[in-house]
Amino acid sequence: MLKKIKDERLMIKNLKIIRVAFLVQTIGISIILVKDFIDEKAVFGSPLFFVLIVTVLVLNVMSMPISLEYFEPKKKSVLNSYPKILFISALIGVGMTFLYLFLSPDRSVMEAIIAGGILSVCFLFSFSILYFIQKKRKQDLDE
C-alpha cells in the first residue's frame, strides 16, 4: 500500500516530474502531427490533434487561478466589467467573420459566421472564467 506524500519537497519534485512528462508528451504529439502534415495526411481530423488541443485547453484552464494569484492590475482592468467582456468577445467574433470573408472570398458567408461565432464563444468562455475567478478572489479578500 502506498502512503500519501506529505513532504512538500517531494510533492514539488513530483509535480516537476509530471510537468516534464507532459512536455515530452506534447512535443511527441506535435512531432507526429507535423510529420502527418508533411506527408499530406489529414492532420486536423486526427485523434492526436484532438488530444493535443484538449490537453492544452485543460492545462490553461486549470492554471488560470494560479496565474490570477500573482496578477495585480495597476489600473482598472477590462475583466472588472462583464458587459465589456461580452462586447469584446462579440467584437472579436465580428472581426473574425469579416477577416474570414476578406481572406477567403470563395468560402460561404455561413462558414465565416460559424468561424466568427466559435472564436467569439472561445474568448467569452476564457474571459468569463477569469472574471468569475477574480470576482470570487475579491469577495474572499473582502471577508
N, C-alpha and C. Protein backbone atom coordinates (compact mmCIF):
# COMPACT_ATOMS: atom_id res chain seq x y z
N MET A 1 0.83 -1.18 0.00
CA MET A 1 0.00 0.00 0.00
C MET A 1 0.88 1.25 0.00
N LEU A 2 0.58 2.16 -0.89
CA LEU A 2 1.35 3.39 -0.97
C LEU A 2 0.83 4.42 0.03
N LYS A 3 1.76 5.13 0.62
CA LYS A 3 1.39 6.18 1.56
C LYS A 3 1.28 7.50 0.81
N LYS A 4 0.43 8.36 1.30
CA LYS A 4 0.27 9.68 0.70
C LYS A 4 1.50 10.52 1.04
N ILE A 5 2.01 11.24 0.03
CA ILE A 5 3.19 12.08 0.23
C ILE A 5 2.78 13.31 1.03
N LYS A 6 3.51 13.53 2.14
CA LYS A 6 3.22 14.69 2.98
C LYS A 6 4.35 15.71 2.97
N ASP A 7 5.52 15.30 2.52
CA ASP A 7 6.67 16.19 2.47
C ASP A 7 6.52 17.13 1.27
N GLU A 8 6.58 18.44 1.53
CA GLU A 8 6.37 19.42 0.46
C GLU A 8 7.46 19.36 -0.60
N ARG A 9 8.69 19.07 -0.20
CA ARG A 9 9.78 18.97 -1.17
C ARG A 9 9.52 17.84 -2.16
N LEU A 10 9.04 16.71 -1.67
CA LEU A 10 8.75 15.58 -2.55
C LEU A 10 7.55 15.87 -3.44
N MET A 11 6.56 16.60 -2.90
CA MET A 11 5.40 16.95 -3.71
C MET A 11 5.80 17.87 -4.86
N ILE A 12 6.65 18.85 -4.59
CA ILE A 12 7.11 19.77 -5.63
C ILE A 12 7.94 19.02 -6.65
N LYS A 13 8.79 18.11 -6.19
CA LYS A 13 9.60 17.31 -7.13
C LYS A 13 8.71 16.45 -8.01
N ASN A 14 7.67 15.87 -7.43
CA ASN A 14 6.73 15.05 -8.18
C ASN A 14 6.00 15.89 -9.23
N LEU A 15 5.60 17.10 -8.87
CA LEU A 15 4.94 17.98 -9.82
C LEU A 15 5.87 18.38 -10.96
N LYS A 16 7.15 18.58 -10.67
CA LYS A 16 8.12 18.90 -11.72
C LYS A 16 8.29 17.72 -12.67
N ILE A 17 8.26 16.51 -12.14
CA ILE A 17 8.37 15.31 -12.98
C ILE A 17 7.15 15.21 -13.89
N ILE A 18 5.97 15.48 -13.34
CA ILE A 18 4.74 15.44 -14.15
C ILE A 18 4.81 16.50 -15.24
N ARG A 19 5.34 17.68 -14.92
CA ARG A 19 5.46 18.75 -15.92
C ARG A 19 6.39 18.33 -17.06
N VAL A 20 7.50 17.68 -16.73
CA VAL A 20 8.43 17.22 -17.76
C VAL A 20 7.78 16.14 -18.62
N ALA A 21 7.05 15.22 -17.99
CA ALA A 21 6.35 14.17 -18.74
C ALA A 21 5.31 14.77 -19.68
N PHE A 22 4.59 15.78 -19.21
CA PHE A 22 3.62 16.46 -20.05
C PHE A 22 4.29 17.15 -21.22
N LEU A 23 5.43 17.78 -20.98
CA LEU A 23 6.17 18.45 -22.05
C LEU A 23 6.65 17.44 -23.10
N VAL A 24 7.17 16.30 -22.65
CA VAL A 24 7.61 15.27 -23.59
C VAL A 24 6.42 14.75 -24.40
N GLN A 25 5.29 14.54 -23.76
CA GLN A 25 4.09 14.07 -24.46
C GLN A 25 3.64 15.09 -25.50
N THR A 26 3.61 16.35 -25.14
CA THR A 26 3.17 17.39 -26.06
C THR A 26 4.11 17.52 -27.24
N ILE A 27 5.41 17.47 -26.99
CA ILE A 27 6.38 17.53 -28.09
C ILE A 27 6.22 16.32 -29.00
N GLY A 28 6.02 15.13 -28.43
CA GLY A 28 5.83 13.93 -29.24
C GLY A 28 4.60 14.02 -30.12
N ILE A 29 3.49 14.46 -29.56
CA ILE A 29 2.26 14.60 -30.34
C ILE A 29 2.45 15.65 -31.43
N SER A 30 3.13 16.74 -31.11
CA SER A 30 3.37 17.79 -32.11
C SER A 30 4.24 17.27 -33.26
N ILE A 31 5.25 16.49 -32.94
CA ILE A 31 6.12 15.93 -33.99
C ILE A 31 5.33 14.99 -34.90
N ILE A 32 4.48 14.16 -34.31
CA ILE A 32 3.66 13.25 -35.11
C ILE A 32 2.72 14.04 -36.02
N LEU A 33 2.13 15.11 -35.51
CA LEU A 33 1.22 15.93 -36.31
C LEU A 33 1.96 16.66 -37.42
N VAL A 34 3.17 17.15 -37.15
CA VAL A 34 3.96 17.81 -38.19
C VAL A 34 4.34 16.80 -39.27
N LYS A 35 4.71 15.59 -38.87
CA LYS A 35 5.04 14.54 -39.84
C LYS A 35 3.83 14.22 -40.71
N ASP A 36 2.66 14.11 -40.10
CA ASP A 36 1.45 13.87 -40.88
C ASP A 36 1.15 15.02 -41.84
N PHE A 37 1.42 16.25 -41.40
CA PHE A 37 1.20 17.42 -42.26
C PHE A 37 2.15 17.39 -43.45
N ILE A 38 3.40 17.02 -43.20
CA ILE A 38 4.38 16.94 -44.29
C ILE A 38 4.00 15.83 -45.27
N ASP A 39 3.49 14.72 -44.76
CA ASP A 39 3.06 13.60 -45.61
C ASP A 39 1.70 13.84 -46.25
N GLU A 40 1.14 15.03 -46.01
CA GLU A 40 -0.15 15.45 -46.57
C GLU A 40 -1.31 14.56 -46.13
N LYS A 41 -1.27 14.15 -44.87
CA LYS A 41 -2.38 13.42 -44.29
C LYS A 41 -3.30 14.41 -43.60
N ALA A 42 -4.48 13.97 -43.23
CA ALA A 42 -5.46 14.84 -42.57
C ALA A 42 -5.04 15.06 -41.12
N VAL A 43 -4.38 16.18 -40.85
CA VAL A 43 -3.89 16.48 -39.51
C VAL A 43 -5.04 16.86 -38.58
N PHE A 44 -5.95 17.71 -39.06
CA PHE A 44 -6.99 18.23 -38.19
C PHE A 44 -8.06 17.19 -37.87
N GLY A 45 -8.14 16.14 -38.63
CA GLY A 45 -9.08 15.06 -38.35
C GLY A 45 -8.48 13.97 -37.48
N SER A 46 -7.21 14.11 -37.16
CA SER A 46 -6.50 13.10 -36.38
C SER A 46 -6.91 13.15 -34.91
N PRO A 47 -7.04 11.98 -34.28
CA PRO A 47 -7.33 11.96 -32.83
C PRO A 47 -6.20 12.60 -32.02
N LEU A 48 -4.97 12.55 -32.53
CA LEU A 48 -3.86 13.18 -31.82
C LEU A 48 -4.04 14.70 -31.75
N PHE A 49 -4.57 15.29 -32.81
CA PHE A 49 -4.82 16.73 -32.81
C PHE A 49 -5.85 17.06 -31.73
N PHE A 50 -6.88 16.25 -31.63
CA PHE A 50 -7.90 16.46 -30.61
C PHE A 50 -7.31 16.33 -29.21
N VAL A 51 -6.45 15.32 -28.99
CA VAL A 51 -5.82 15.13 -27.69
C VAL A 51 -4.93 16.32 -27.35
N LEU A 52 -4.18 16.81 -28.32
CA LEU A 52 -3.30 17.95 -28.10
C LEU A 52 -4.10 19.19 -27.73
N ILE A 53 -5.16 19.47 -28.45
CA ILE A 53 -5.97 20.66 -28.18
C ILE A 53 -6.64 20.56 -26.81
N VAL A 54 -7.22 19.42 -26.49
CA VAL A 54 -7.90 19.25 -25.20
C VAL A 54 -6.89 19.34 -24.05
N THR A 55 -5.71 18.75 -24.22
CA THR A 55 -4.70 18.79 -23.17
C THR A 55 -4.24 20.21 -22.89
N VAL A 56 -3.97 20.97 -23.94
CA VAL A 56 -3.54 22.35 -23.76
C VAL A 56 -4.66 23.19 -23.15
N LEU A 57 -5.89 22.94 -23.57
CA LEU A 57 -7.03 23.67 -23.03
C LEU A 57 -7.20 23.40 -21.54
N VAL A 58 -7.13 22.13 -21.14
CA VAL A 58 -7.27 21.78 -19.72
C VAL A 58 -6.13 22.38 -18.90
N LEU A 59 -4.92 22.33 -19.43
CA LEU A 59 -3.78 22.92 -18.73
C LEU A 59 -3.97 24.41 -18.52
N ASN A 60 -4.43 25.11 -19.55
CA ASN A 60 -4.63 26.56 -19.42
C ASN A 60 -5.76 26.90 -18.47
N VAL A 61 -6.86 26.18 -18.54
CA VAL A 61 -7.99 26.47 -17.65
C VAL A 61 -7.62 26.19 -16.20
N MET A 62 -6.88 25.12 -15.96
CA MET A 62 -6.52 24.78 -14.59
C MET A 62 -5.43 25.69 -14.02
N SER A 63 -4.63 26.32 -14.89
CA SER A 63 -3.59 27.22 -14.38
C SER A 63 -4.06 28.66 -14.25
N MET A 64 -5.28 28.97 -14.71
CA MET A 64 -5.79 30.34 -14.59
C MET A 64 -5.87 30.84 -13.15
N PRO A 65 -6.41 30.05 -12.21
CA PRO A 65 -6.46 30.57 -10.83
C PRO A 65 -5.07 30.87 -10.25
N ILE A 66 -4.09 30.06 -10.62
CA ILE A 66 -2.73 30.28 -10.13
C ILE A 66 -2.16 31.56 -10.73
N SER A 67 -2.42 31.78 -12.01
CA SER A 67 -1.93 32.99 -12.66
C SER A 67 -2.59 34.23 -12.06
N LEU A 68 -3.86 34.13 -11.73
CA LEU A 68 -4.56 35.29 -11.16
C LEU A 68 -4.09 35.62 -9.74
N GLU A 69 -3.51 34.65 -9.04
CA GLU A 69 -2.99 34.92 -7.70
C GLU A 69 -1.86 35.94 -7.76
N TYR A 70 -1.08 35.92 -8.85
CA TYR A 70 0.05 36.83 -8.99
C TYR A 70 -0.28 38.04 -9.85
N PHE A 71 -1.50 38.12 -10.34
CA PHE A 71 -1.91 39.23 -11.20
C PHE A 71 -2.45 40.35 -10.34
N GLU A 72 -1.78 41.46 -10.37
CA GLU A 72 -2.22 42.65 -9.64
C GLU A 72 -2.36 43.78 -10.65
N PRO A 73 -3.58 44.10 -11.06
CA PRO A 73 -3.74 45.16 -12.06
C PRO A 73 -3.37 46.53 -11.48
N LYS A 74 -2.60 47.28 -12.25
CA LYS A 74 -2.19 48.61 -11.82
C LYS A 74 -3.28 49.63 -12.08
N LYS A 75 -4.09 49.36 -13.06
CA LYS A 75 -5.21 50.26 -13.35
C LYS A 75 -6.46 49.40 -13.51
N LYS A 76 -7.57 50.04 -13.78
CA LYS A 76 -8.82 49.31 -13.90
C LYS A 76 -8.75 48.34 -15.09
N SER A 77 -9.02 47.09 -14.82
CA SER A 77 -8.90 46.05 -15.83
C SER A 77 -10.20 45.89 -16.61
N VAL A 78 -10.08 45.36 -17.81
CA VAL A 78 -11.26 45.05 -18.63
C VAL A 78 -12.08 43.96 -17.96
N LEU A 79 -11.41 43.12 -17.18
CA LEU A 79 -12.09 41.99 -16.54
C LEU A 79 -13.02 42.42 -15.40
N ASN A 80 -13.04 43.70 -15.05
CA ASN A 80 -13.89 44.16 -13.95
C ASN A 80 -15.34 44.33 -14.35
N SER A 81 -15.63 44.37 -15.64
CA SER A 81 -16.99 44.62 -16.10
C SER A 81 -17.40 43.52 -17.09
N TYR A 82 -18.42 42.77 -16.71
CA TYR A 82 -18.85 41.67 -17.58
C TYR A 82 -19.46 42.16 -18.90
N PRO A 83 -20.21 43.28 -18.92
CA PRO A 83 -20.68 43.77 -20.22
C PRO A 83 -19.54 44.11 -21.19
N LYS A 84 -18.42 44.60 -20.65
CA LYS A 84 -17.26 44.86 -21.51
C LYS A 84 -16.72 43.56 -22.09
N ILE A 85 -16.71 42.51 -21.28
CA ILE A 85 -16.24 41.21 -21.75
C ILE A 85 -17.15 40.70 -22.87
N LEU A 86 -18.45 40.83 -22.69
CA LEU A 86 -19.39 40.42 -23.74
C LEU A 86 -19.17 41.22 -25.02
N PHE A 87 -18.97 42.52 -24.88
CA PHE A 87 -18.77 43.38 -26.04
C PHE A 87 -17.47 43.03 -26.77
N ILE A 88 -16.39 42.83 -26.02
CA ILE A 88 -15.10 42.49 -26.64
C ILE A 88 -15.18 41.15 -27.35
N SER A 89 -15.83 40.17 -26.73
CA SER A 89 -15.97 38.85 -27.36
C SER A 89 -16.78 38.94 -28.65
N ALA A 90 -17.87 39.71 -28.63
CA ALA A 90 -18.68 39.89 -29.84
C ALA A 90 -17.89 40.63 -30.90
N LEU A 91 -17.13 41.63 -30.50
CA LEU A 91 -16.31 42.39 -31.45
C LEU A 91 -15.25 41.50 -32.10
N ILE A 92 -14.64 40.63 -31.33
CA ILE A 92 -13.65 39.70 -31.87
C ILE A 92 -14.31 38.74 -32.85
N GLY A 93 -15.51 38.25 -32.53
CA GLY A 93 -16.23 37.35 -33.43
C GLY A 93 -16.60 38.02 -34.74
N VAL A 94 -17.09 39.26 -34.67
CA VAL A 94 -17.44 40.00 -35.89
C VAL A 94 -16.20 40.29 -36.72
N GLY A 95 -15.11 40.67 -36.03
CA GLY A 95 -13.85 40.92 -36.73
C GLY A 95 -13.34 39.68 -37.44
N MET A 96 -13.44 38.54 -36.78
CA MET A 96 -13.01 37.28 -37.41
C MET A 96 -13.88 36.95 -38.61
N THR A 97 -15.18 37.21 -38.51
CA THR A 97 -16.09 36.95 -39.62
C THR A 97 -15.70 37.76 -40.84
N PHE A 98 -15.45 39.06 -40.65
CA PHE A 98 -15.06 39.90 -41.77
C PHE A 98 -13.68 39.54 -42.31
N LEU A 99 -12.76 39.19 -41.41
CA LEU A 99 -11.43 38.77 -41.85
C LEU A 99 -11.50 37.49 -42.66
N TYR A 100 -12.32 36.56 -42.23
CA TYR A 100 -12.51 35.29 -42.94
C TYR A 100 -13.09 35.55 -44.33
N LEU A 101 -14.07 36.43 -44.40
CA LEU A 101 -14.67 36.76 -45.71
C LEU A 101 -13.68 37.48 -46.60
N PHE A 102 -12.85 38.35 -46.03
CA PHE A 102 -11.88 39.11 -46.81
C PHE A 102 -10.75 38.23 -47.33
N LEU A 103 -10.26 37.32 -46.49
CA LEU A 103 -9.14 36.47 -46.87
C LEU A 103 -9.56 35.26 -47.70
N SER A 104 -10.80 34.84 -47.59
CA SER A 104 -11.29 33.67 -48.32
C SER A 104 -12.61 34.01 -49.02
N PRO A 105 -12.56 34.77 -50.11
CA PRO A 105 -13.81 35.16 -50.75
C PRO A 105 -14.56 34.00 -51.41
N ASP A 106 -13.86 32.89 -51.64
CA ASP A 106 -14.51 31.74 -52.25
C ASP A 106 -15.33 30.93 -51.25
N ARG A 107 -15.17 31.20 -49.95
CA ARG A 107 -15.94 30.48 -48.92
C ARG A 107 -17.30 31.13 -48.73
N SER A 108 -18.22 30.37 -48.17
CA SER A 108 -19.57 30.90 -47.97
C SER A 108 -19.64 31.82 -46.75
N VAL A 109 -20.66 32.63 -46.73
CA VAL A 109 -20.88 33.55 -45.62
C VAL A 109 -21.19 32.77 -44.34
N MET A 110 -21.89 31.66 -44.48
CA MET A 110 -22.25 30.85 -43.31
C MET A 110 -20.99 30.30 -42.62
N GLU A 111 -19.99 29.87 -43.41
CA GLU A 111 -18.75 29.39 -42.82
C GLU A 111 -18.06 30.51 -42.04
N ALA A 112 -18.08 31.72 -42.59
CA ALA A 112 -17.46 32.86 -41.91
C ALA A 112 -18.19 33.17 -40.61
N ILE A 113 -19.50 33.10 -40.62
CA ILE A 113 -20.28 33.37 -39.41
C ILE A 113 -20.01 32.29 -38.36
N ILE A 114 -19.91 31.05 -38.78
CA ILE A 114 -19.63 29.96 -37.84
C ILE A 114 -18.24 30.13 -37.24
N ALA A 115 -17.23 30.46 -38.08
CA ALA A 115 -15.87 30.66 -37.57
C ALA A 115 -15.82 31.83 -36.59
N GLY A 116 -16.48 32.93 -36.93
CA GLY A 116 -16.52 34.08 -36.03
C GLY A 116 -17.25 33.76 -34.73
N GLY A 117 -18.33 33.01 -34.83
CA GLY A 117 -19.09 32.63 -33.63
C GLY A 117 -18.29 31.73 -32.71
N ILE A 118 -17.56 30.79 -33.29
CA ILE A 118 -16.74 29.89 -32.49
C ILE A 118 -15.65 30.66 -31.77
N LEU A 119 -14.98 31.57 -32.49
CA LEU A 119 -13.93 32.37 -31.86
C LEU A 119 -14.51 33.26 -30.77
N SER A 120 -15.67 33.83 -31.01
CA SER A 120 -16.33 34.68 -30.03
C SER A 120 -16.66 33.89 -28.76
N VAL A 121 -17.19 32.69 -28.92
CA VAL A 121 -17.53 31.84 -27.76
C VAL A 121 -16.27 31.44 -27.00
N CYS A 122 -15.18 31.15 -27.71
CA CYS A 122 -13.93 30.78 -27.05
C CYS A 122 -13.41 31.93 -26.19
N PHE A 123 -13.40 33.14 -26.75
CA PHE A 123 -12.96 34.29 -25.98
C PHE A 123 -13.90 34.54 -24.80
N LEU A 124 -15.20 34.44 -25.03
CA LEU A 124 -16.16 34.66 -23.96
C LEU A 124 -15.97 33.65 -22.83
N PHE A 125 -15.73 32.40 -23.18
CA PHE A 125 -15.52 31.34 -22.19
C PHE A 125 -14.29 31.64 -21.33
N SER A 126 -13.16 31.95 -21.98
CA SER A 126 -11.93 32.17 -21.21
C SER A 126 -12.01 33.45 -20.38
N PHE A 127 -12.55 34.54 -20.95
CA PHE A 127 -12.69 35.77 -20.19
C PHE A 127 -13.68 35.61 -19.04
N SER A 128 -14.73 34.82 -19.24
CA SER A 128 -15.71 34.60 -18.19
C SER A 128 -15.10 33.85 -17.01
N ILE A 129 -14.29 32.84 -17.32
CA ILE A 129 -13.62 32.10 -16.25
C ILE A 129 -12.72 33.05 -15.45
N LEU A 130 -11.94 33.86 -16.14
CA LEU A 130 -11.07 34.81 -15.46
C LEU A 130 -11.87 35.81 -14.63
N TYR A 131 -12.99 36.29 -15.17
CA TYR A 131 -13.82 37.26 -14.47
C TYR A 131 -14.38 36.66 -13.18
N PHE A 132 -14.92 35.45 -13.26
CA PHE A 132 -15.53 34.86 -12.07
C PHE A 132 -14.49 34.43 -11.03
N ILE A 133 -13.31 34.00 -11.48
CA ILE A 133 -12.25 33.69 -10.52
C ILE A 133 -11.79 34.96 -9.81
N GLN A 134 -11.62 36.04 -10.58
CA GLN A 134 -11.20 37.30 -9.99
C GLN A 134 -12.26 37.86 -9.05
N LYS A 135 -13.53 37.72 -9.43
CA LYS A 135 -14.62 38.20 -8.59
C LYS A 135 -14.67 37.42 -7.27
N LYS A 136 -14.50 36.10 -7.35
CA LYS A 136 -14.51 35.27 -6.14
C LYS A 136 -13.32 35.62 -5.24
N ARG A 137 -12.18 35.88 -5.86
CA ARG A 137 -10.99 36.24 -5.10
C ARG A 137 -11.19 37.56 -4.36
N LYS A 138 -11.81 38.54 -5.02
CA LYS A 138 -12.08 39.83 -4.38
C LYS A 138 -13.06 39.66 -3.21
N GLN A 139 -14.07 38.79 -3.40
CA GLN A 139 -15.03 38.55 -2.32
C GLN A 139 -14.34 37.88 -1.13
N ASP A 140 -13.43 36.95 -1.40
CA ASP A 140 -12.71 36.28 -0.32
C ASP A 140 -11.80 37.26 0.43
N LEU A 141 -11.21 38.21 -0.30
CA LEU A 141 -10.35 39.19 0.34
C LEU A 141 -11.14 40.18 1.18
N ASP A 142 -12.36 40.49 0.74
CA ASP A 142 -13.20 41.43 1.48
C ASP A 142 -13.74 40.83 2.78
N GLU A 143 -13.87 39.51 2.83
CA GLU A 143 -14.41 38.86 4.03
C GLU A 143 -13.43 38.72 5.12
